[in-house]
Amino acid sequence: MNTSLNAARREQDLEAAQREVADVLVIGGGVTGAGVALDAASRGLRTVLLEAHDLAFGTSRWSSKLVHGGLRYLAKGDVRLAHESAVERGVLMTRTAPHLTRTLPMLFPLHATAGHFVMSGFRAGNALRIAARTPSDVLPGPRRVSRHEALALVPGLDPHELTGGLLSYDGQLIDDARLVVALARTAAGHGARIITRAKVVTLQGDGAEVQDTLTGTTFTVRAKAVINATGVWAGTLAPVHLRPSRGSHLVLDARSAGLTGTALTIPVPGERNRYAFLLPQANGRAYLGLTDEPVDEIPDVPVVPESDVDFLLTTASQVLQRDLTRADVIGSYAGLRPLLQADGRTADLSRNHAVLRAPNGVITIVGGKLTTYRRMAADAVDATNLTQIPCRTKDIRLVDDRPAPTTPIAPGVTEADVVHAIRHEGALDADDVLDRRTRIGLVPQDRAKAAPEIAKLLANA
């Protein structure tokens, strides 16, 4: 099983995709598209995936890196979606990607008598975990902690009027872009053709006209079924009405925020069932997020506006010993959620997914959450009616072959990681390495320092 993606394999797959008729053509190389490609290929369908830019170029790399258990959906009364999220979290953490996930302790700080309602919610979330059959040694049950233990878990907490905390557990991705790359590589191991820098010009139910953005040439890919998995860009290829919302995050130094290995759950003032999160990362960084604001324009790479920066810093500072300022922000990122059009605030819109079929036969999969990508992919492949073989991905472990560390070039990244990205993970240029195979690019200072060394490694690969 050859799971390596690189420039040479791209050329081979590009030539074969023009010569053959695929069973399934997938448009979009995010978590949903890569998930669809793996699902289809693992059922024995000849599969081609086309991505206009790079794997995980869009929303999939801009998440909070959480594998949610569905507690928020339960609070909104959507028991089905909550259960689905809990099940899929368990699948990721215990079967398909235990090497790409970890258990994340999350502390809800308590002041005065607050917290009874929140603890009830955590207990309900634990019931979801039990129903999903996720072991307690993977996700322990919630518990109340003393003031002393709360401060030990999160030293940066404001001790004034702190009475304790509620400790719960959820799943965390080591990195969302790495999950996407692992999905694409595993799909390639099952025979899928993964082709990046392939921009779809026109799309029909039996194929696509495509431009190779590396050479400027155009070509045709024919297929028995076409699945549009382009997220917030789905409406550019099919008659789909979306209402995107922006989720912004700030990148901080974890030590400056007083964070160790435990995340903080922070209530948003004046809101019910809405929280910000201060999330520790393995490389000494922390992510502070997130917002939920409607947007009208859909840029390739969204920018975090000043209003979101103010909101996040102010929200987090209410529970920390010192106020966070712009001087603490070392990077930022924003992603656009592909929410289905409906009335009300984007924060209140359903995170359910939908499989839609256009008059020309194109199947579009939209909505949903990163955690439930596998279920979304299965539903999309089922909609093709090309096979009676049921979904197999629940039992397919994603590729796992990280290299041994060598000379460091950035926090948590060595030269071996870069070479591996080029030879096996489909990285074609420095941006692929800086922004998606690693997350060096999230901190501009780190990016500027590492870029020359990465350019040398690319030249010698």
Protein backbone atom coordinates (compact mmCIF):
# COMPACT_ATOMS: atom_id res chain seq x y z
CA MET A 1 0.00 0.00 0.00
CA ASN A 2 1.72 3.17 -1.24
CA THR A 3 0.51 6.16 0.78
CA SER A 4 3.21 8.61 -0.32
CA LEU A 5 2.10 11.81 -2.04
CA ASN A 6 4.70 13.89 -3.90
CA ALA A 7 5.31 15.75 -7.15
CA ALA A 8 6.09 12.58 -9.10
CA ARG A 9 2.96 10.78 -7.98
CA ARG A 10 0.88 13.88 -8.77
CA GLU A 11 2.08 13.73 -12.37
CA GLN A 12 1.23 10.05 -12.63
CA ASP A 13 -2.23 10.56 -11.15
CA LEU A 14 -2.85 13.58 -13.36
CA GLU A 15 -2.11 11.59 -16.50
CA ALA A 16 -4.20 8.61 -15.39
CA ALA A 17 -7.17 10.78 -14.37
CA GLN A 18 -7.41 12.14 -17.92
CA ARG A 19 -7.22 8.69 -19.46
CA GLU A 20 -9.64 6.78 -17.22
CA VAL A 21 -13.29 7.16 -16.26
CA ALA A 22 -13.53 7.41 -12.49
CA ASP A 23 -16.37 6.01 -10.46
CA VAL A 24 -16.29 8.98 -8.11
CA LEU A 25 -14.83 12.44 -8.71
CA VAL A 26 -14.41 14.45 -5.51
CA ILE A 27 -13.94 18.21 -5.63
CA GLY A 28 -12.24 19.70 -2.58
CA GLY A 29 -9.26 18.66 -0.51
CA GLY A 30 -10.43 19.58 2.97
CA VAL A 31 -11.43 17.16 5.70
CA THR A 32 -14.76 16.34 4.03
CA GLY A 33 -13.33 15.85 0.54
CA ALA A 34 -10.42 13.76 1.80
CA GLY A 35 -12.88 11.79 3.92
CA VAL A 36 -15.08 11.16 0.88
CA ALA A 37 -12.07 10.02 -1.15
CA LEU A 38 -11.09 7.52 1.54
CA ASP A 39 -14.63 6.25 1.95
CA ALA A 40 -15.12 5.76 -1.79
CA ALA A 41 -11.71 4.21 -2.45
CA SER A 42 -11.99 1.86 0.52
CA ARG A 43 -15.26 0.53 -0.94
CA GLY A 44 -13.44 -0.34 -4.16
CA LEU A 45 -14.58 2.67 -6.21
CA ARG A 46 -12.12 4.27 -8.64
CA THR A 47 -11.69 7.67 -7.07
CA VAL A 48 -10.14 10.97 -8.12
CA LEU A 49 -9.85 14.00 -5.82
CA LEU A 50 -9.21 17.46 -7.26
CA GLU A 51 -8.13 20.38 -5.06
CA ALA A 52 -7.67 23.89 -6.46
CA HIS A 53 -4.89 24.79 -4.03
CA ASP A 54 -3.43 22.38 -1.48
CA LEU A 55 -4.73 19.79 0.98
CA ALA A 56 -6.37 21.52 3.97
CA PHE A 57 -6.07 24.90 2.24
CA GLY A 58 -9.51 26.13 3.36
CA THR A 59 -11.61 25.92 6.52
CA SER A 60 -10.22 22.58 7.65
CA ARG A 61 -6.93 24.10 8.84
CA TRP A 62 -8.60 26.97 10.70
CA SER A 63 -10.51 25.03 13.37
CA SER A 64 -10.05 25.09 17.16
CA LYS A 65 -8.35 21.69 16.80
CA LEU A 66 -11.02 20.16 19.06
CA VAL A 67 -12.76 16.83 18.57
CA HIS A 68 -16.09 17.85 20.06
CA GLY A 69 -18.32 15.44 21.92
CA GLY A 70 -21.54 17.28 21.07
CA LEU A 71 -22.29 18.95 24.42
CA ARG A 72 -23.21 22.24 22.75
CA TYR A 73 -25.72 20.50 20.52
CA LEU A 74 -27.24 18.72 23.49
CA ALA A 75 -27.76 22.11 25.17
CA LYS A 76 -29.72 23.18 22.08
CA GLY A 77 -31.90 20.09 22.23
CA ASP A 78 -30.36 18.33 19.21
CA VAL A 79 -29.83 14.92 20.78
CA ARG A 80 -29.23 13.17 17.46
CA LEU A 81 -26.38 15.46 16.44
CA ALA A 82 -24.92 15.37 19.96
CA HIS A 83 -24.87 11.57 19.93
CA GLU A 84 -23.40 11.49 16.43
CA SER A 85 -20.60 13.83 17.51
CA ALA A 86 -19.84 11.75 20.59
CA VAL A 87 -19.71 8.56 18.53
CA GLU A 88 -17.42 10.07 15.91
CA ARG A 89 -15.16 11.53 18.59
CA GLY A 90 -14.79 8.05 20.03
CA VAL A 91 -14.00 6.58 16.62
CA LEU A 92 -11.25 9.12 16.03
CA MET A 93 -9.70 8.79 19.48
CA THR A 94 -9.81 5.00 19.84
CA ARG A 95 -9.81 3.49 16.35
CA THR A 96 -8.90 5.57 13.32
CA ALA A 97 -6.61 8.30 14.66
CA PRO A 98 -5.43 7.80 18.26
CA HIS A 99 -2.00 8.99 17.04
CA LEU A 100 -3.50 12.26 15.80
CA THR A 101 -5.62 13.02 18.87
CA ARG A 102 -5.16 13.40 22.60
CA THR A 103 -7.23 13.80 25.73
CA LEU A 104 -7.65 17.46 26.66
CA PRO A 105 -8.56 18.47 30.23
CA MET A 106 -10.73 21.61 30.22
CA LEU A 107 -11.32 23.77 33.29
CA PHE A 108 -14.41 25.91 33.84
CA PRO A 109 -13.48 28.39 36.62
CA LEU A 110 -16.06 28.94 39.35
CA HIS A 111 -16.80 32.16 41.19
CA ALA A 112 -19.27 32.45 44.11
CA THR A 113 -22.13 29.96 43.58
CA ALA A 114 -21.96 29.72 39.79
CA GLY A 115 -21.54 26.37 38.11
CA HIS A 116 -24.48 24.13 39.05
CA PHE A 117 -26.05 24.42 35.61
CA VAL A 118 -22.69 23.92 33.90
CA MET A 119 -21.93 20.79 35.92
CA SER A 120 -25.31 19.36 34.92
CA GLY A 121 -24.31 19.91 31.32
CA PHE A 122 -20.96 18.18 31.84
CA ARG A 123 -22.72 15.19 33.39
CA ALA A 124 -25.00 15.04 30.36
CA GLY A 125 -21.92 15.15 28.16
CA ASN A 126 -20.43 12.27 30.13
CA ALA A 127 -23.64 10.32 29.51
CA LEU A 128 -23.06 10.90 25.79
CA ARG A 129 -19.53 9.57 26.19
CA ILE A 130 -20.86 6.43 27.89
CA ALA A 131 -23.55 5.95 25.23
CA ALA A 132 -20.88 6.27 22.54
CA ARG A 133 -18.84 3.58 24.36
CA THR A 134 -15.73 5.73 24.64
CA PRO A 135 -13.67 4.33 27.56
CA SER A 136 -13.22 6.44 30.68
CA ASP A 137 -9.45 5.98 30.47
CA VAL A 138 -9.62 7.93 27.20
CA LEU A 139 -12.10 10.54 28.41
CA PRO A 140 -12.52 10.58 32.20
CA GLY A 141 -15.76 11.81 33.73
CA PRO A 142 -16.13 15.41 34.95
CA ARG A 143 -15.47 16.45 38.53
CA ARG A 144 -15.40 19.51 40.72
CA VAL A 145 -11.95 20.73 41.82
CA SER A 146 -10.91 22.95 44.69
CA ARG A 147 -9.61 26.49 44.36
CA HIS A 148 -6.09 25.24 45.02
CA GLU A 149 -6.29 22.55 42.33
CA ALA A 150 -7.83 24.97 39.82
CA LEU A 151 -4.89 27.34 40.26
CA ALA A 152 -2.45 24.44 39.97
CA LEU A 153 -4.08 23.34 36.70
CA VAL A 154 -4.16 26.86 35.24
CA PRO A 155 -1.64 29.09 37.06
CA GLY A 156 -2.74 32.16 35.10
CA LEU A 157 -6.25 32.17 36.59
CA ASP A 158 -7.33 35.21 38.58
CA PRO A 159 -7.49 33.95 42.18
CA HIS A 160 -9.79 36.80 43.28
CA GLU A 161 -13.18 35.33 44.30
CA LEU A 162 -12.23 32.02 42.70
CA THR A 163 -13.94 29.19 44.58
CA GLY A 164 -12.83 26.25 42.45
CA GLY A 165 -13.57 24.83 39.05
CA LEU A 166 -15.26 22.15 37.01
CA LEU A 167 -12.87 19.82 35.21
CA SER A 168 -14.12 18.00 32.11
CA TYR A 169 -12.43 16.28 29.19
CA ASP A 170 -12.76 16.44 25.42
CA GLY A 171 -10.72 15.39 22.41
CA GLN A 172 -8.04 17.51 20.80
CA LEU A 173 -6.39 17.10 17.42
CA ILE A 174 -2.63 17.34 17.32
CA ASP A 175 -3.34 19.37 14.19
CA ASP A 176 -6.36 19.63 11.89
CA ALA A 177 -4.34 19.98 8.69
CA ARG A 178 -2.36 16.88 9.60
CA LEU A 179 -5.64 14.96 9.91
CA VAL A 180 -6.59 16.01 6.37
CA VAL A 181 -3.21 14.98 4.97
CA ALA A 182 -3.46 11.62 6.76
CA LEU A 183 -6.91 11.06 5.27
CA ALA A 184 -5.69 11.91 1.76
CA ARG A 185 -2.64 9.67 2.09
CA THR A 186 -4.72 6.79 3.43
CA ALA A 187 -7.12 7.26 0.52
CA ALA A 188 -4.15 7.18 -1.86
CA GLY A 189 -3.09 3.92 -0.25
CA HIS A 190 -6.48 2.51 -1.25
CA GLY A 191 -5.97 3.65 -4.84
CA ALA A 192 -7.46 7.16 -4.86
CA ARG A 193 -5.80 9.69 -7.15
CA ILE A 194 -5.07 12.86 -5.14
CA ILE A 195 -4.37 15.85 -7.37
CA THR A 196 -3.71 19.30 -5.94
CA ARG A 197 -3.34 22.56 -7.92
CA ALA A 198 -6.27 21.40 -10.05
CA LYS A 199 -8.93 24.11 -10.29
CA VAL A 200 -12.35 23.10 -11.57
CA VAL A 201 -13.57 25.46 -14.29
CA THR A 202 -16.91 23.80 -15.05
CA LEU A 203 -18.64 20.96 -13.24
CA GLN A 204 -21.30 18.52 -14.41
CA GLY A 205 -22.72 15.29 -13.06
CA ASP A 206 -20.42 13.26 -15.32
CA GLY A 207 -17.13 15.11 -14.91
CA ALA A 208 -15.27 18.39 -14.89
CA GLU A 209 -13.17 20.73 -16.96
CA VAL A 210 -10.06 21.45 -14.94
CA GLN A 211 -7.07 23.79 -15.05
CA ASP A 212 -3.66 22.65 -13.87
CA THR A 213 -2.59 25.82 -12.07
CA LEU A 214 1.08 24.76 -12.16
CA THR A 215 1.21 24.71 -15.96
CA GLY A 216 -1.89 26.61 -17.01
CA THR A 217 -3.09 23.73 -19.18
CA THR A 218 -6.69 22.49 -19.08
CA PHE A 219 -7.93 18.92 -19.09
CA THR A 220 -11.08 16.85 -18.61
CA VAL A 221 -11.88 14.30 -15.93
CA ARG A 222 -14.84 11.99 -16.54
CA ALA A 223 -16.71 10.16 -13.79
CA LYS A 224 -19.88 8.21 -13.07
CA ALA A 225 -20.61 10.39 -10.03
CA VAL A 226 -19.36 13.81 -8.92
CA ILE A 227 -19.28 15.00 -5.29
CA ASN A 228 -18.82 18.67 -4.52
CA ALA A 229 -17.09 18.90 -1.12
CA THR A 230 -15.74 22.44 -1.36
CA GLY A 231 -17.22 23.79 1.88
CA VAL A 232 -17.93 27.52 1.85
CA TRP A 233 -17.14 27.57 -1.89
CA ALA A 234 -19.78 24.92 -2.70
CA GLY A 235 -22.14 27.55 -4.09
CA THR A 236 -19.66 28.46 -6.84
CA LEU A 237 -20.04 24.98 -8.34
CA ALA A 238 -23.64 24.05 -7.49
CA PRO A 239 -26.96 25.77 -6.63
CA VAL A 240 -26.43 25.71 -2.87
CA HIS A 241 -27.39 28.52 -0.48
CA LEU A 242 -25.01 28.95 2.44
CA ARG A 243 -24.65 31.47 5.23
CA PRO A 244 -20.96 31.42 6.17
CA SER A 245 -19.75 32.59 9.56
CA ARG A 246 -16.25 33.56 10.64
CA GLY A 247 -14.50 31.82 13.51
CA SER A 248 -11.39 33.75 14.59
CA HIS A 249 -8.53 32.60 16.82
CA LEU A 250 -5.51 34.33 18.30
CA VAL A 251 -2.14 32.63 18.77
CA LEU A 252 -0.46 33.30 22.12
CA ASP A 253 2.57 32.11 24.04
CA ALA A 254 1.07 29.65 26.51
CA ARG A 255 3.36 30.75 29.34
CA SER A 256 2.43 34.41 28.97
CA ALA A 257 -1.21 33.42 29.38
CA GLY A 258 -0.43 31.28 32.43
CA LEU A 259 -1.49 28.09 30.66
CA THR A 260 0.05 24.65 31.08
CA GLY A 261 -1.63 21.47 29.84
CA THR A 262 -5.21 22.28 30.79
CA ALA A 263 -7.53 24.33 28.59
CA LEU A 264 -9.83 27.05 29.89
CA THR A 265 -13.54 27.24 29.11
CA ILE A 266 -14.60 30.88 29.46
CA PRO A 267 -18.25 32.02 29.45
CA VAL A 268 -19.02 34.87 27.08
CA PRO A 269 -20.57 37.76 29.06
CA GLY A 270 -24.26 38.28 28.32
CA GLU A 271 -24.59 34.99 26.42
CA ARG A 272 -26.02 31.63 27.37
CA ASN A 273 -24.32 28.43 26.23
CA ARG A 274 -21.61 30.36 24.42
CA TYR A 275 -17.98 30.08 25.46
CA ALA A 276 -14.48 31.05 24.45
CA PHE A 277 -11.61 28.59 24.78
CA LEU A 278 -7.97 29.05 25.68
CA LEU A 279 -6.35 25.92 24.30
CA PRO A 280 -2.78 24.69 24.95
CA GLN A 281 -0.76 23.33 22.06
CA ALA A 282 2.16 20.93 22.06
CA ASN A 283 4.69 23.50 20.83
CA GLY A 284 4.32 25.97 23.68
CA ARG A 285 1.68 27.99 21.91
CA ALA A 286 -1.96 28.51 22.84
CA TYR A 287 -5.00 29.28 20.71
CA LEU A 288 -7.66 31.66 21.98
CA GLY A 289 -11.00 31.40 20.17
CA LEU A 290 -13.51 31.64 18.89
CA THR A 291 -15.93 34.06 17.28
CA ASP A 292 -19.09 33.41 15.30
CA GLU A 293 -19.82 36.31 12.96
CA PRO A 294 -21.74 36.25 9.65
CA VAL A 295 -19.79 37.20 6.51
CA ASP A 296 -20.78 38.11 2.98
CA GLU A 297 -17.48 37.70 1.13
CA ILE A 298 -15.50 34.47 0.92
CA PRO A 299 -11.77 35.14 0.48
CA ASP A 300 -9.27 32.34 -0.04
CA VAL A 301 -7.61 33.20 3.28
CA PRO A 302 -9.82 35.09 5.77
CA VAL A 303 -8.31 37.81 7.96
CA VAL A 304 -9.05 38.33 11.65
CA PRO A 305 -10.62 41.80 12.09
CA GLU A 306 -9.72 44.09 14.97
CA SER A 307 -13.20 43.66 16.45
CA ASP A 308 -12.60 39.93 16.86
CA VAL A 309 -9.22 40.58 18.48
CA ASP A 310 -10.84 42.93 21.01
CA PHE A 311 -13.65 40.48 21.74
CA LEU A 312 -11.34 37.53 22.38
CA LEU A 313 -8.83 39.43 24.50
CA THR A 314 -11.56 41.02 26.61
CA THR A 315 -13.41 37.74 27.10
CA ALA A 316 -10.33 35.82 28.19
CA SER A 317 -9.04 38.59 30.44
CA GLN A 318 -12.12 38.41 32.66
CA VAL A 319 -10.88 35.15 34.21
CA LEU A 320 -7.09 35.66 34.06
CA GLN A 321 -4.79 37.16 36.63
CA ARG A 322 -3.61 39.79 34.16
CA ASP A 323 -5.32 41.36 31.18
CA LEU A 324 -4.22 40.12 27.78
CA THR A 325 -3.25 42.83 25.30
CA ARG A 326 -2.30 43.01 21.64
CA ALA A 327 1.33 42.64 22.73
CA ASP A 328 0.48 39.05 23.74
CA VAL A 329 -0.80 38.18 20.25
CA ILE A 330 1.92 36.51 18.17
CA GLY A 331 -0.36 35.32 15.38
CA SER A 332 -3.97 34.86 14.33
CA TYR A 333 -6.19 32.92 11.97
CA ALA A 334 -9.83 32.73 10.90
CA GLY A 335 -11.97 30.13 9.17
CA LEU A 336 -15.38 30.27 7.52
CA ARG A 337 -18.03 27.73 8.52
CA PRO A 338 -20.18 26.43 5.63
CA LEU A 339 -23.53 26.78 7.42
CA LEU A 340 -26.78 26.06 5.64
CA GLN A 341 -28.94 29.12 5.00
CA ALA A 342 -31.57 29.71 7.69
CA ASP A 343 -33.03 32.47 9.83
CA GLY A 344 -31.40 33.66 13.05
CA ARG A 345 -27.85 34.33 14.24
CA THR A 346 -25.07 32.21 12.75
CA ALA A 347 -24.16 31.17 16.30
CA ASP A 348 -27.60 29.56 16.55
CA LEU A 349 -27.67 27.84 13.15
CA SER A 350 -27.64 24.07 12.97
CA ARG A 351 -24.34 22.23 12.49
CA ASN A 352 -26.14 19.35 10.78
CA HIS A 353 -24.91 18.40 7.33
CA ALA A 354 -26.90 17.88 4.14
CA VAL A 355 -26.41 15.91 0.94
CA LEU A 356 -27.97 17.73 -2.01
CA ARG A 357 -28.31 16.72 -5.65
CA ALA A 358 -28.38 19.39 -8.37
CA PRO A 359 -30.43 19.03 -11.59
CA ASN A 360 -27.21 18.28 -13.50
CA GLY A 361 -26.48 15.37 -11.16
CA VAL A 362 -23.72 16.92 -9.04
CA ILE A 363 -23.92 15.76 -5.42
CA THR A 364 -23.00 18.41 -2.83
CA ILE A 365 -22.14 17.72 0.80
CA VAL A 366 -22.27 20.81 3.04
CA GLY A 367 -22.69 21.84 6.67
CA GLY A 368 -21.52 19.59 9.46
CA LYS A 369 -18.47 19.76 11.70
CA LEU A 370 -14.89 18.53 11.46
CA THR A 371 -15.61 15.88 14.09
CA THR A 372 -18.37 14.32 11.98
CA TYR A 373 -16.48 14.32 8.67
CA ARG A 374 -16.57 10.51 8.44
CA ARG A 375 -20.35 10.35 8.69
CA MET A 376 -20.67 13.14 6.13
CA ALA A 377 -18.38 11.27 3.75
CA ALA A 378 -20.33 8.03 4.13
CA ASP A 379 -23.63 9.77 3.38
CA ALA A 380 -22.16 11.42 0.27
CA VAL A 381 -20.80 8.14 -1.11
CA ASP A 382 -24.07 6.35 -0.33
CA ALA A 383 -25.85 9.01 -2.42
CA THR A 384 -23.93 7.93 -5.55
CA ASN A 385 -25.71 4.53 -5.55
CA LEU A 386 -22.58 3.03 -7.13
CA THR A 387 -21.94 0.28 -4.60
CA GLN A 388 -23.73 -1.98 -2.17
CA ILE A 389 -20.60 -2.26 -0.02
CA PRO A 390 -21.22 -0.44 3.28
CA CYS A 391 -18.92 2.21 4.72
CA ARG A 392 -15.67 0.68 6.00
CA THR A 393 -13.82 3.70 7.39
CA LYS A 394 -14.72 3.07 11.02
CA ASP A 395 -12.11 0.32 11.02
CA ILE A 396 -9.41 1.94 8.87
CA ARG A 397 -6.55 3.41 10.88
CA LEU A 398 -5.10 6.50 9.23
CA VAL A 399 -1.50 6.46 8.08
CA ASP A 400 1.07 7.01 10.83
CA ASP A 401 4.75 7.33 9.84
CA ARG A 402 6.17 10.49 11.39
CA PRO A 403 9.97 10.75 11.04
CA ALA A 404 12.51 10.79 13.84
CA PRO A 405 13.41 14.37 14.86
CA THR A 406 16.59 15.93 13.50
CA THR A 407 17.85 19.54 13.42
CA PRO A 408 15.16 21.95 14.72
CA ILE A 409 14.07 24.76 12.43
CA ALA A 410 11.05 26.06 14.39
CA PRO A 411 9.16 25.18 17.61
CA GLY A 412 8.14 21.53 17.28
CA VAL A 413 9.46 21.18 13.70
CA THR A 414 12.73 19.67 12.47
CA GLU A 415 14.40 19.27 9.07
CA ALA A 416 13.17 15.68 8.93
CA ASP A 417 9.55 16.90 9.13
CA VAL A 418 10.10 19.13 6.11
CA VAL A 419 11.75 16.43 4.02
CA HIS A 420 8.97 14.01 4.97
CA ALA A 421 6.34 16.58 3.94
CA ILE A 422 7.95 16.92 0.51
CA ARG A 423 8.56 13.23 -0.16
CA HIS A 424 5.46 11.70 1.39
CA GLU A 425 2.80 14.33 2.23
CA GLY A 426 2.35 16.10 -1.09
CA ALA A 427 3.99 19.43 -0.19
CA LEU A 428 4.96 21.14 -3.43
CA ASP A 429 6.26 24.50 -2.23
CA ALA A 430 7.32 26.43 0.88
CA ASP A 431 3.79 27.63 1.67
CA ASP A 432 2.56 24.03 1.77
CA VAL A 433 5.21 23.26 4.37
CA LEU A 434 4.91 26.47 6.40
CA ASP A 435 1.12 26.73 6.49
CA ARG A 436 -0.29 23.21 6.27
CA ARG A 437 2.23 20.37 6.79
CA THR A 438 3.45 22.37 9.77
CA ARG A 439 1.92 25.42 11.45
CA ILE A 440 5.09 27.50 11.49
CA GLY A 441 3.32 30.12 9.40
CA LEU A 442 0.81 30.95 12.14
CA VAL A 443 3.52 33.05 13.82
CA PRO A 444 5.00 35.55 11.30
CA GLN A 445 8.28 35.78 13.21
CA ASP A 446 8.76 32.01 13.10
CA ARG A 447 7.79 31.97 9.43
CA ALA A 448 10.40 34.53 8.44
CA LYS A 449 13.10 32.66 10.33
CA ALA A 450 12.28 29.20 8.93
CA ALA A 451 11.49 30.10 5.30
CA PRO A 452 15.10 30.22 3.98
CA GLU A 453 15.96 26.81 5.44
CA ILE A 454 12.76 25.29 4.02
CA ALA A 455 13.58 26.73 0.61
CA LYS A 456 16.96 24.96 0.73
CA LEU A 457 15.38 21.67 1.69
CA LEU A 458 12.87 21.97 -1.15
CA ALA A 459 15.67 22.63 -3.63
CA ASN A 460 17.55 19.54 -2.50
CA ALA A 461 14.62 17.18 -2.07
